[in-house]
PDB file of N, CA and C in Angstrom:
ATOM      1  N   UNK A   1     -25.693   0.294  29.998  1.00  0.00           N
ATOM      2  CA  UNK A   1     -24.587   0.886  30.698  1.00  0.00           C
ATOM      3  C   UNK A   1     -25.066   1.320  32.082  1.00  0.00           C
ATOM      4  N   UNK A   2     -24.319   0.953  33.100  1.00  0.00           N
ATOM      5  CA  UNK A   2     -24.699   1.328  34.458  1.00  0.00           C
ATOM      6  C   UNK A   2     -23.760   2.400  34.985  1.00  0.00           C
ATOM      7  N   UNK A   3     -24.315   3.259  35.811  1.00  0.00           N
ATOM      8  CA  UNK A   3     -23.508   4.306  36.424  1.00  0.00           C
ATOM      9  C   UNK A   3     -23.011   3.832  37.780  1.00  0.00           C
ATOM     10  N   UNK A   4     -21.796   4.193  38.087  1.00  0.00           N
ATOM     11  CA  UNK A   4     -21.239   3.874  39.400  1.00  0.00           C
ATOM     12  C   UNK A   4     -21.690   4.964  40.367  1.00  0.00           C
ATOM     13  N   UNK A   5     -22.405   4.573  41.423  1.00  0.00           N
ATOM     14  CA  UNK A   5     -22.897   5.546  42.379  1.00  0.00           C
ATOM     15  C   UNK A   5     -21.844   5.876  43.427  1.00  0.00           C
ATOM     16  N   UNK A   6     -20.909   4.969  43.642  1.00  0.00           N
ATOM     17  CA  UNK A   6     -19.857   5.214  44.628  1.00  0.00           C
ATOM     18  C   UNK A   6     -18.739   6.031  43.989  1.00  0.00           C
ATOM     19  N   UNK A   7     -18.378   7.110  44.647  1.00  0.00           N
ATOM     20  CA  UNK A   7     -17.307   7.953  44.156  1.00  0.00           C
ATOM     21  C   UNK A   7     -15.979   7.393  44.655  1.00  0.00           C
ATOM     22  N   UNK A   8     -15.016   7.300  43.763  1.00  0.00           N
ATOM     23  CA  UNK A   8     -13.720   6.772  44.150  1.00  0.00           C
ATOM     24  C   UNK A   8     -12.975   7.814  44.978  1.00  0.00           C
ATOM     25  N   UNK A   9     -12.447   7.369  46.115  1.00  0.00           N
ATOM     26  CA  UNK A   9     -11.701   8.275  46.988  1.00  0.00           C
ATOM     27  C   UNK A   9     -10.366   8.627  46.366  1.00  0.00           C
ATOM     28  N   UNK A  10      -9.888   9.846  46.630  1.00  0.00           N
ATOM     29  CA  UNK A  10      -8.568  10.222  46.105  1.00  0.00           C
ATOM     30  C   UNK A  10      -7.473   9.377  46.752  1.00  0.00           C
ATOM     31  N   UNK A  11      -6.431   9.102  45.976  1.00  0.00           N
ATOM     32  CA  UNK A  11      -5.310   8.304  46.458  1.00  0.00           C
ATOM     33  C   UNK A  11      -4.077   9.198  46.562  1.00  0.00           C
ATOM     34  N   UNK A  12      -3.245   8.894  47.557  1.00  0.00           N
ATOM     35  CA  UNK A  12      -2.075   9.708  47.822  1.00  0.00           C
ATOM     36  C   UNK A  12      -0.844   8.826  47.964  1.00  0.00           C
ATOM     37  N   UNK A  13       0.302   9.401  47.631  1.00  0.00           N
ATOM     38  CA  UNK A  13       1.560   8.687  47.818  1.00  0.00           C
ATOM     39  C   UNK A  13       1.955   8.772  49.292  1.00  0.00           C
ATOM     40  N   UNK A  14       2.967   8.031  49.634  1.00  0.00           N
ATOM     41  CA  UNK A  14       3.485   8.030  51.008  1.00  0.00           C
ATOM     42  C   UNK A  14       3.888   9.444  51.423  1.00  0.00           C
ATOM     43  N   UNK A  15       4.628  10.127  50.559  1.00  0.00           N
ATOM     44  CA  UNK A  15       5.110  11.479  50.870  1.00  0.00           C
ATOM     45  C   UNK A  15       3.941  12.440  51.067  1.00  0.00           C
ATOM     46  N   UNK A  16       2.945  12.353  50.200  1.00  0.00           N
ATOM     47  CA  UNK A  16       1.785  13.241  50.312  1.00  0.00           C
ATOM     48  C   UNK A  16       1.046  13.004  51.626  1.00  0.00           C
ATOM     49  N   UNK A  17       0.881  11.748  52.009  1.00  0.00           N
ATOM     50  CA  UNK A  17       0.192  11.456  53.263  1.00  0.00           C
ATOM     51  C   UNK A  17       0.991  11.954  54.460  1.00  0.00           C
ATOM     52  N   UNK A  18       2.291  11.769  54.433  1.00  0.00           N
ATOM     53  CA  UNK A  18       3.119  12.206  55.557  1.00  0.00           C
ATOM     54  C   UNK A  18       3.140  13.728  55.692  1.00  0.00           C
ATOM     55  N   UNK A  19       2.995  14.447  54.599  1.00  0.00           N
ATOM     56  CA  UNK A  19       2.976  15.911  54.634  1.00  0.00           C
ATOM     57  C   UNK A  19       1.613  16.464  55.020  1.00  0.00           C
ATOM     58  N   UNK A  20       0.598  15.636  54.919  1.00  0.00           N
ATOM     59  CA  UNK A  20      -0.758  16.089  55.195  1.00  0.00           C
ATOM     60  C   UNK A  20      -0.990  16.395  56.664  1.00  0.00           C
ATOM     61  N   UNK A  21      -1.939  17.267  56.903  1.00  0.00           N
ATOM     62  CA  UNK A  21      -2.302  17.622  58.272  1.00  0.00           C
ATOM     63  C   UNK A  21      -3.278  16.582  58.802  1.00  0.00           C
ATOM     64  N   UNK A  22      -3.431  16.556  60.095  1.00  0.00           N
ATOM     65  CA  UNK A  22      -4.402  15.656  60.682  1.00  0.00           C
ATOM     66  C   UNK A  22      -3.800  14.373  61.228  1.00  0.00           C
ATOM     67  N   UNK A  23      -2.491  14.230  61.148  1.00  0.00           N
ATOM     68  CA  UNK A  23      -1.825  13.051  61.701  1.00  0.00           C
ATOM     69  C   UNK A  23      -1.055  13.472  62.950  1.00  0.00           C
ATOM     70  N   UNK A  24      -1.130  12.658  63.982  1.00  0.00           N
ATOM     71  CA  UNK A  24      -0.296  12.918  65.151  1.00  0.00           C
ATOM     72  C   UNK A  24       1.138  12.514  64.815  1.00  0.00           C
ATOM     73  N   UNK A  25       2.082  12.913  65.632  1.00  0.00           N
ATOM     74  CA  UNK A  25       3.475  12.550  65.361  1.00  0.00           C
ATOM     75  C   UNK A  25       3.650  11.035  65.416  1.00  0.00           C
ATOM     76  N   UNK A  26       2.929  10.373  66.296  1.00  0.00           N
ATOM     77  CA  UNK A  26       2.991   8.911  66.390  1.00  0.00           C
ATOM     78  C   UNK A  26       2.456   8.262  65.109  1.00  0.00           C
ATOM     79  N   UNK A  27       1.337   8.772  64.605  1.00  0.00           N
ATOM     80  CA  UNK A  27       0.769   8.225  63.367  1.00  0.00           C
ATOM     81  C   UNK A  27       1.705   8.453  62.185  1.00  0.00           C
ATOM     82  N   UNK A  28       2.352   9.621  62.143  1.00  0.00           N
ATOM     83  CA  UNK A  28       3.313   9.900  61.062  1.00  0.00           C
ATOM     84  C   UNK A  28       4.458   8.890  61.084  1.00  0.00           C
ATOM     85  N   UNK A  29       4.979   8.611  62.273  1.00  0.00           N
ATOM     86  CA  UNK A  29       6.066   7.640  62.398  1.00  0.00           C
ATOM     87  C   UNK A  29       5.613   6.255  61.950  1.00  0.00           C
ATOM     88  N   UNK A  30       4.403   5.880  62.335  1.00  0.00           N
ATOM     89  CA  UNK A  30       3.870   4.579  61.930  1.00  0.00           C
ATOM     90  C   UNK A  30       3.700   4.512  60.413  1.00  0.00           C
ATOM     91  N   UNK A  31       3.138   5.558  59.834  1.00  0.00           N
ATOM     92  CA  UNK A  31       2.932   5.583  58.383  1.00  0.00           C
ATOM     93  C   UNK A  31       4.262   5.534  57.642  1.00  0.00           C
ATOM     94  N   UNK A  32       5.256   6.241  58.153  1.00  0.00           N
ATOM     95  CA  UNK A  32       6.572   6.236  57.510  1.00  0.00           C
ATOM     96  C   UNK A  32       7.132   4.817  57.452  1.00  0.00           C
ATOM     97  N   UNK A  33       6.857   4.029  58.471  1.00  0.00           N
ATOM     98  CA  UNK A  33       7.361   2.656  58.508  1.00  0.00           C
ATOM     99  C   UNK A  33       6.477   1.684  57.728  1.00  0.00           C
ATOM    100  N   UNK A  34       5.172   1.919  57.711  1.00  0.00           N
ATOM    101  CA  UNK A  34       4.234   0.947  57.139  1.00  0.00           C
ATOM    102  C   UNK A  34       3.970   1.125  55.643  1.00  0.00           C
ATOM    103  N   UNK A  35       3.969   2.365  55.166  1.00  0.00           N
ATOM    104  CA  UNK A  35       3.617   2.608  53.770  1.00  0.00           C
ATOM    105  C   UNK A  35       4.799   2.324  52.847  1.00  0.00           C
ATOM    106  N   UNK A  36       4.477   1.833  51.663  1.00  0.00           N
ATOM    107  CA  UNK A  36       5.499   1.564  50.651  1.00  0.00           C
ATOM    108  C   UNK A  36       5.630   2.785  49.744  1.00  0.00           C
ATOM    109  N   UNK A  37       6.857   3.089  49.353  1.00  0.00           N
ATOM    110  CA  UNK A  37       7.119   4.282  48.533  1.00  0.00           C
ATOM    111  C   UNK A  37       6.391   4.257  47.191  1.00  0.00           C
ATOM    112  N   UNK A  38       6.308   3.106  46.558  1.00  0.00           N
ATOM    113  CA  UNK A  38       5.797   3.018  45.186  1.00  0.00           C
ATOM    114  C   UNK A  38       4.276   2.839  45.099  1.00  0.00           C
ATOM    115  N   UNK A  39       3.582   2.770  46.230  1.00  0.00           N
ATOM    116  CA  UNK A  39       2.133   2.565  46.203  1.00  0.00           C
ATOM    117  C   UNK A  39       1.398   3.826  46.599  1.00  0.00           C
ATOM    118  N   UNK A  40       0.099   3.871  46.272  1.00  0.00           N
ATOM    119  CA  UNK A  40      -0.743   4.988  46.684  1.00  0.00           C
ATOM    120  C   UNK A  40      -1.862   4.445  47.566  1.00  0.00           C
ATOM    121  N   UNK A  41      -2.342   5.294  48.460  1.00  0.00           N
ATOM    122  CA  UNK A  41      -3.317   4.882  49.460  1.00  0.00           C
ATOM    123  C   UNK A  41      -4.391   5.946  49.610  1.00  0.00           C
ATOM    124  N   UNK A  42      -5.574   5.521  50.028  1.00  0.00           N
ATOM    125  CA  UNK A  42      -6.603   6.470  50.411  1.00  0.00           C
ATOM    126  C   UNK A  42      -6.345   6.843  51.872  1.00  0.00           C
ATOM    127  N   UNK A  43      -6.934   7.939  52.313  1.00  0.00           N
ATOM    128  CA  UNK A  43      -6.783   8.354  53.707  1.00  0.00           C
ATOM    129  C   UNK A  43      -7.358   7.272  54.618  1.00  0.00           C
ATOM    130  N   UNK A  44      -8.463   6.678  54.209  1.00  0.00           N
ATOM    131  CA  UNK A  44      -9.096   5.628  55.001  1.00  0.00           C
ATOM    132  C   UNK A  44      -8.166   4.424  55.157  1.00  0.00           C
ATOM    133  N   UNK A  45      -7.487   4.036  54.095  1.00  0.00           N
ATOM    134  CA  UNK A  45      -6.544   2.915  54.169  1.00  0.00           C
ATOM    135  C   UNK A  45      -5.408   3.235  55.131  1.00  0.00           C
ATOM    136  N   UNK A  46      -4.898   4.457  55.071  1.00  0.00           N
ATOM    137  CA  UNK A  46      -3.802   4.856  55.955  1.00  0.00           C
ATOM    138  C   UNK A  46      -4.256   4.845  57.415  1.00  0.00           C
ATOM    139  N   UNK A  47      -5.456   5.342  57.681  1.00  0.00           N
ATOM    140  CA  UNK A  47      -5.984   5.329  59.046  1.00  0.00           C
ATOM    141  C   UNK A  47      -6.142   3.898  59.551  1.00  0.00           C
ATOM    142  N   UNK A  48      -6.645   3.034  58.685  1.00  0.00           N
ATOM    143  CA  UNK A  48      -6.829   1.629  59.055  1.00  0.00           C
ATOM    144  C   UNK A  48      -5.483   0.965  59.393  1.00  0.00           C
ATOM    145  N   UNK A  49      -4.448   1.285  58.618  1.00  0.00           N
ATOM    146  CA  UNK A  49      -3.122   0.729  58.884  1.00  0.00           C
ATOM    147  C   UNK A  49      -2.599   1.166  60.251  1.00  0.00           C
ATOM    148  N   UNK A  50      -2.770   2.446  60.593  1.00  0.00           N
ATOM    149  CA  UNK A  50      -2.284   2.910  61.893  1.00  0.00           C
ATOM    150  C   UNK A  50      -3.092   2.297  63.031  1.00  0.00           C
ATOM    151  N   UNK A  51      -4.396   2.137  62.840  1.00  0.00           N
ATOM    152  CA  UNK A  51      -5.229   1.525  63.877  1.00  0.00           C
ATOM    153  C   UNK A  51      -4.868   0.059  64.076  1.00  0.00           C
ATOM    154  N   UNK A  52      -4.655  -0.655  62.987  1.00  0.00           N
ATOM    155  CA  UNK A  52      -4.271  -2.057  63.068  1.00  0.00           C
ATOM    156  C   UNK A  52      -2.931  -2.202  63.767  1.00  0.00           C
ATOM    157  N   UNK A  53      -1.995  -1.331  63.427  1.00  0.00           N
ATOM    158  CA  UNK A  53      -0.670  -1.374  64.037  1.00  0.00           C
ATOM    159  C   UNK A  53      -0.762  -1.088  65.532  1.00  0.00           C
ATOM    160  N   UNK A  54      -1.553  -0.091  65.916  1.00  0.00           N
ATOM    161  CA  UNK A  54      -1.698   0.290  67.315  1.00  0.00           C
ATOM    162  C   UNK A  54      -2.378  -0.814  68.128  1.00  0.00           C
ATOM    163  N   UNK A  55      -3.348  -1.492  67.529  1.00  0.00           N
ATOM    164  CA  UNK A  55      -4.127  -2.497  68.243  1.00  0.00           C
ATOM    165  C   UNK A  55      -3.579  -3.918  68.126  1.00  0.00           C
ATOM    166  N   UNK A  56      -2.421  -4.068  67.483  1.00  0.00           N
ATOM    167  CA  UNK A  56      -1.877  -5.406  67.286  1.00  0.00           C
ATOM    168  C   UNK A  56      -1.533  -6.035  68.630  1.00  0.00           C
ATOM    169  N   UNK A  57      -1.535  -7.336  68.636  1.00  0.00           N
ATOM    170  CA  UNK A  57      -1.224  -8.085  69.855  1.00  0.00           C
ATOM    171  C   UNK A  57       0.237  -8.519  69.787  1.00  0.00           C
ATOM    172  N   UNK A  58       0.978  -8.164  70.800  1.00  0.00           N
ATOM    173  CA  UNK A  58       2.392  -8.512  70.866  1.00  0.00           C
ATOM    174  C   UNK A  58       2.542  -9.758  71.709  1.00  0.00           C
ATOM    175  N   UNK A  59       3.262 -10.716  71.165  1.00  0.00           N
ATOM    176  CA  UNK A  59       3.455 -11.968  71.909  1.00  0.00           C
ATOM    177  C   UNK A  59       4.844 -12.052  72.469  1.00  0.00           C
TER     178      UNK A  59
END
């Protein structure tokens, strides 16, 4: 039996992330549009989504 050395990050619903502190108003608006109601996300995943959205290339 092997032990997992990596600790699993806590996951949050869309509502929990939007209520959390540490997001700018712009990031909150982006998360409200990008996150799905029925899924859960880590804080890192949510940050990555906002960064990807901000850095996207518009054609």
